[in-house]
Amino acid sequence: NKIVLSRGVDAMVAGSWTYACAAVVVIPLAIREMILSGKRQPVNIRLLVIFLLTGGIGGPVLYFLGLERTSAVHGSILNNLEAVFTALLAFGLFREPIGRRGIAGSIAVVAGSAWLSWPGPGQAAGGATVLGDILMALGFFSWAVEANLLNRIRPALPVFTVLAAKILTAFAAMTATAVVKCGTVRMPAEAIRAALVSGLLGLALSTMCFYKAISLIGAGRTGLI
């Protein structure tokens, strides 16, 4: 994603292309899953709306706006916060069981991320970098809420169907924002190639594995792993 942004592409345009590429992989799987799945429970509309607002709008928009304003190194470090937020919500709010090692691991990740992100001697924390870090942290918190809601939606909707709904919501939100902000969603060819890799591998494949793991072992353990 940072490669795309380094080509002078707006964050919302980059996000739109990334989620469009991910949709190419996920939607066929979701359609197949819906056809093969049997009768399921009624959908909890309130939970589904919160899931899509946090995972499909809040998370992606805040993440890309933050990534545009911070370095790739900071972004990679802050990525650990999603695991911590997911685990803390799972264990503290949704009452998933946790041991001492889980608590210690969460504290270590937070401390390590803060330490590595803190400017060293002679370095100034630029306002843009600080703002970018804050936006990314809020985005990761939104994704943590989404992860914890997945198993509460899954009895009504198959995993890949939920993922497809999230990706389409994010694509629609970021495309609309890009058109309003920039008037276009066009990108250079080299940026499109980077978005293909990011969307197909970095987003679609990793999120499919992440969702499957949550459905098997819960959000808290998946986040810490």
Protein backbone atom coordinates (compact mmCIF):
# COMPACT_ATOMS: atom_id res chain seq x y z
CA ASN A 1 0.00 0.00 0.00
CA LYS A 2 2.83 2.41 0.80
CA ILE A 3 4.29 1.74 -2.67
CA VAL A 4 1.01 2.84 -4.22
CA LEU A 5 0.91 6.00 -2.10
CA SER A 6 4.55 6.78 -2.95
CA ARG A 7 3.47 7.19 -6.59
CA GLY A 8 1.50 10.27 -5.62
CA VAL A 9 -1.83 8.42 -5.50
CA ASP A 10 -4.43 9.69 -3.05
CA ALA A 11 -5.12 7.38 -0.10
CA MET A 12 -8.80 6.92 -0.97
CA VAL A 13 -7.98 6.09 -4.60
CA ALA A 14 -5.38 3.54 -3.46
CA GLY A 15 -7.85 2.00 -1.03
CA SER A 16 -10.56 1.79 -3.68
CA TRP A 17 -8.30 -0.15 -6.04
CA THR A 18 -7.00 -2.40 -3.25
CA TYR A 19 -10.49 -3.43 -2.17
CA ALA A 20 -11.63 -3.83 -5.78
CA CYS A 21 -8.80 -6.32 -6.38
CA ALA A 22 -9.67 -8.21 -3.19
CA ALA A 23 -13.33 -8.42 -4.26
CA VAL A 24 -12.32 -10.27 -7.43
CA VAL A 25 -11.09 -13.16 -5.26
CA VAL A 26 -13.61 -13.10 -2.42
CA ILE A 27 -16.96 -12.63 -4.21
CA PRO A 28 -16.85 -15.92 -6.21
CA LEU A 29 -16.01 -17.81 -3.00
CA ALA A 30 -18.86 -16.07 -1.17
CA ILE A 31 -21.35 -16.98 -3.89
CA ARG A 32 -20.23 -20.62 -3.82
CA GLU A 33 -20.43 -20.67 -0.01
CA MET A 34 -23.96 -19.24 -0.03
CA ILE A 35 -25.12 -21.86 -2.54
CA LEU A 36 -23.65 -24.75 -0.55
CA SER A 37 -24.64 -23.54 2.94
CA GLY A 38 -27.78 -24.89 4.53
CA LYS A 39 -30.47 -23.12 6.49
CA ARG A 40 -29.05 -20.57 8.94
CA GLN A 41 -30.23 -18.36 11.78
CA PRO A 42 -31.87 -14.95 11.09
CA VAL A 43 -29.42 -12.08 10.60
CA ASN A 44 -28.97 -9.65 13.50
CA ILE A 45 -29.22 -6.41 11.49
CA ARG A 46 -27.86 -4.21 14.30
CA LEU A 47 -24.70 -6.28 14.69
CA LEU A 48 -24.26 -6.52 10.92
CA VAL A 49 -24.50 -2.72 10.55
CA ILE A 50 -21.94 -2.16 13.32
CA PHE A 51 -19.70 -4.81 11.73
CA LEU A 52 -19.82 -3.08 8.33
CA LEU A 53 -19.40 0.43 9.78
CA THR A 54 -16.29 -0.55 11.74
CA GLY A 55 -14.74 -3.13 9.43
CA GLY A 56 -15.90 -1.80 6.07
CA ILE A 57 -15.73 1.97 6.57
CA GLY A 58 -13.99 3.04 9.78
CA GLY A 59 -11.05 0.63 9.58
CA PRO A 60 -10.12 1.03 5.89
CA VAL A 61 -10.67 4.79 5.67
CA LEU A 62 -8.72 5.59 8.85
CA TYR A 63 -5.96 3.13 7.92
CA PHE A 64 -5.32 4.59 4.46
CA LEU A 65 -5.54 8.18 5.71
CA GLY A 66 -3.04 7.31 8.43
CA LEU A 67 -0.71 5.43 6.09
CA GLU A 68 -0.61 8.49 3.85
CA ARG A 69 0.69 10.55 6.78
CA THR A 70 3.22 8.19 8.35
CA SER A 71 6.16 6.05 7.29
CA ALA A 72 5.99 2.44 6.16
CA VAL A 73 8.06 1.43 9.21
CA HIS A 74 5.65 3.14 11.62
CA GLY A 75 2.73 1.53 9.81
CA SER A 76 4.25 -1.94 10.16
CA ILE A 77 4.93 -1.42 13.86
CA LEU A 78 1.46 -0.04 14.55
CA ASN A 79 -0.04 -3.05 12.79
CA ASN A 80 0.63 -4.93 16.04
CA LEU A 81 -1.97 -2.79 17.76
CA GLU A 82 -4.77 -4.54 15.89
CA ALA A 83 -3.78 -7.81 17.56
CA VAL A 84 -3.73 -6.17 20.97
CA PHE A 85 -7.05 -4.37 20.51
CA THR A 86 -8.65 -7.57 19.22
CA ALA A 87 -7.39 -9.60 22.17
CA LEU A 88 -8.31 -7.00 24.80
CA LEU A 89 -11.85 -6.62 23.45
CA ALA A 90 -12.24 -10.40 23.19
CA PHE A 91 -11.06 -11.05 26.73
CA GLY A 92 -12.33 -7.90 28.46
CA LEU A 93 -15.65 -7.20 26.75
CA PHE A 94 -16.70 -10.43 25.08
CA ARG A 95 -15.42 -12.68 27.89
CA GLU A 96 -13.21 -15.04 25.92
CA PRO A 97 -10.89 -16.91 28.33
CA ILE A 98 -7.27 -15.72 28.64
CA GLY A 99 -4.27 -16.84 30.66
CA ARG A 100 -1.42 -14.89 32.19
CA ARG A 101 0.73 -15.38 29.10
CA GLY A 102 -1.97 -13.79 26.94
CA ILE A 103 -2.12 -10.73 29.19
CA ALA A 104 1.69 -10.48 29.29
CA GLY A 105 1.89 -10.81 25.52
CA SER A 106 -0.63 -8.02 24.96
CA ILE A 107 1.25 -5.68 27.31
CA ALA A 108 4.56 -6.51 25.60
CA VAL A 109 3.18 -5.73 22.14
CA VAL A 110 1.78 -2.36 23.26
CA ALA A 111 5.02 -1.43 25.03
CA GLY A 112 7.16 -2.51 22.09
CA SER A 113 5.07 -0.60 19.56
CA ALA A 114 5.19 2.57 21.66
CA TRP A 115 8.94 2.29 22.20
CA LEU A 116 9.77 1.68 18.54
CA SER A 117 7.46 4.48 17.38
CA TRP A 118 8.87 7.04 19.83
CA PRO A 119 11.34 9.49 18.24
CA GLY A 120 14.94 8.95 19.22
CA PRO A 121 17.46 11.55 20.44
CA GLY A 122 17.66 14.44 18.02
CA GLN A 123 14.55 13.35 16.17
CA ALA A 124 11.37 15.37 16.13
CA ALA A 125 8.01 13.72 15.90
CA GLY A 126 6.47 15.53 12.94
CA GLY A 127 2.85 16.52 13.32
CA ALA A 128 1.96 14.59 10.18
CA THR A 129 3.57 11.42 11.54
CA VAL A 130 1.80 11.72 14.89
CA LEU A 131 -1.53 12.31 13.18
CA GLY A 132 -0.89 9.37 10.88
CA ASP A 133 -0.10 7.10 13.82
CA ILE A 134 -3.29 8.17 15.61
CA LEU A 135 -5.44 7.60 12.52
CA MET A 136 -3.92 4.17 11.95
CA ALA A 137 -4.40 3.21 15.60
CA LEU A 138 -8.09 4.20 15.37
CA GLY A 139 -8.39 2.18 12.18
CA PHE A 140 -6.91 -0.88 13.87
CA PHE A 141 -9.32 -0.44 16.77
CA SER A 142 -12.22 -0.40 14.31
CA TRP A 143 -10.96 -3.63 12.77
CA ALA A 144 -10.63 -5.14 16.25
CA VAL A 145 -14.33 -4.42 16.91
CA GLU A 146 -15.17 -6.04 13.57
CA ALA A 147 -13.12 -9.15 14.38
CA ASN A 148 -14.91 -9.64 17.67
CA LEU A 149 -18.33 -9.32 16.05
CA LEU A 150 -17.59 -11.94 13.39
CA ASN A 151 -18.52 -15.00 15.46
CA ARG A 152 -21.76 -13.31 16.51
CA ILE A 153 -22.75 -12.84 12.88
CA ARG A 154 -21.40 -16.14 11.54
CA PRO A 155 -24.40 -18.31 12.60
CA ALA A 156 -26.54 -16.25 10.20
CA LEU A 157 -24.05 -15.68 7.37
CA PRO A 158 -21.14 -17.82 6.10
CA VAL A 159 -17.63 -16.48 6.72
CA PHE A 160 -16.76 -15.57 3.12
CA THR A 161 -20.16 -13.95 2.63
CA VAL A 162 -19.51 -11.66 5.58
CA LEU A 163 -16.04 -10.89 4.23
CA ALA A 164 -17.45 -10.08 0.79
CA ALA A 165 -19.99 -7.70 2.35
CA LYS A 166 -17.20 -5.94 4.25
CA ILE A 167 -14.99 -5.63 1.17
CA LEU A 168 -17.81 -4.28 -1.00
CA THR A 169 -18.76 -1.78 1.71
CA ALA A 170 -15.16 -0.59 1.96
CA PHE A 171 -14.85 -0.37 -1.83
CA ALA A 172 -18.04 1.69 -2.11
CA ALA A 173 -17.08 4.03 0.74
CA MET A 174 -13.54 4.65 -0.50
CA THR A 175 -14.58 5.03 -4.14
CA ALA A 176 -17.25 7.59 -3.23
CA THR A 177 -14.79 9.48 -1.03
CA ALA A 178 -12.13 9.41 -3.77
CA VAL A 179 -14.55 10.78 -6.37
CA VAL A 180 -15.67 13.60 -4.07
CA LYS A 181 -12.11 14.38 -2.96
CA CYS A 182 -10.19 13.91 -6.22
CA GLY A 183 -12.81 13.74 -8.94
CA THR A 184 -11.37 10.46 -10.24
CA VAL A 185 -10.13 7.00 -9.21
CA ARG A 186 -7.55 6.71 -12.00
CA MET A 187 -4.04 5.51 -11.11
CA PRO A 188 -0.74 5.04 -12.99
CA ALA A 189 -0.16 1.53 -14.38
CA GLU A 190 2.68 0.78 -11.96
CA ALA A 191 0.47 1.75 -9.02
CA ILE A 192 -2.28 -0.56 -10.30
CA ARG A 193 0.18 -3.47 -10.31
CA ALA A 194 1.11 -2.74 -6.70
CA ALA A 195 -2.58 -2.51 -5.76
CA LEU A 196 -3.17 -5.92 -7.37
CA VAL A 197 -0.54 -7.53 -5.17
CA SER A 198 -1.80 -5.68 -2.09
CA GLY A 199 -5.45 -6.51 -2.76
CA LEU A 200 -5.06 -10.14 -3.80
CA LEU A 201 -2.42 -11.22 -1.28
CA GLY A 202 -2.18 -8.60 1.44
CA LEU A 203 -5.94 -8.18 1.85
CA ALA A 204 -7.94 -11.04 0.33
CA LEU A 205 -5.75 -14.02 1.24
CA SER A 206 -4.68 -12.79 4.67
CA THR A 207 -8.22 -11.78 5.69
CA MET A 208 -9.70 -15.09 4.53
CA CYS A 209 -7.19 -16.93 6.71
CA PHE A 210 -7.81 -14.51 9.59
CA TYR A 211 -11.60 -14.97 9.42
CA LYS A 212 -11.30 -18.75 9.25
CA ALA A 213 -9.04 -18.74 12.29
CA ILE A 214 -11.48 -16.56 14.25
CA SER A 215 -14.30 -18.97 13.44
CA LEU A 216 -12.21 -21.87 14.75
CA ILE A 217 -10.34 -20.55 17.82
CA GLY A 218 -11.93 -17.16 18.59
CA ALA A 219 -10.92 -13.54 18.04
CA GLY A 220 -8.67 -13.19 21.08
CA ARG A 221 -6.34 -16.11 20.36
CA THR A 222 -6.30 -15.32 16.64
CA GLY A 223 -5.31 -11.73 17.37
CA LEU A 224 -2.42 -12.73 19.65
CA ILE A 225 -1.14 -15.34 17.20
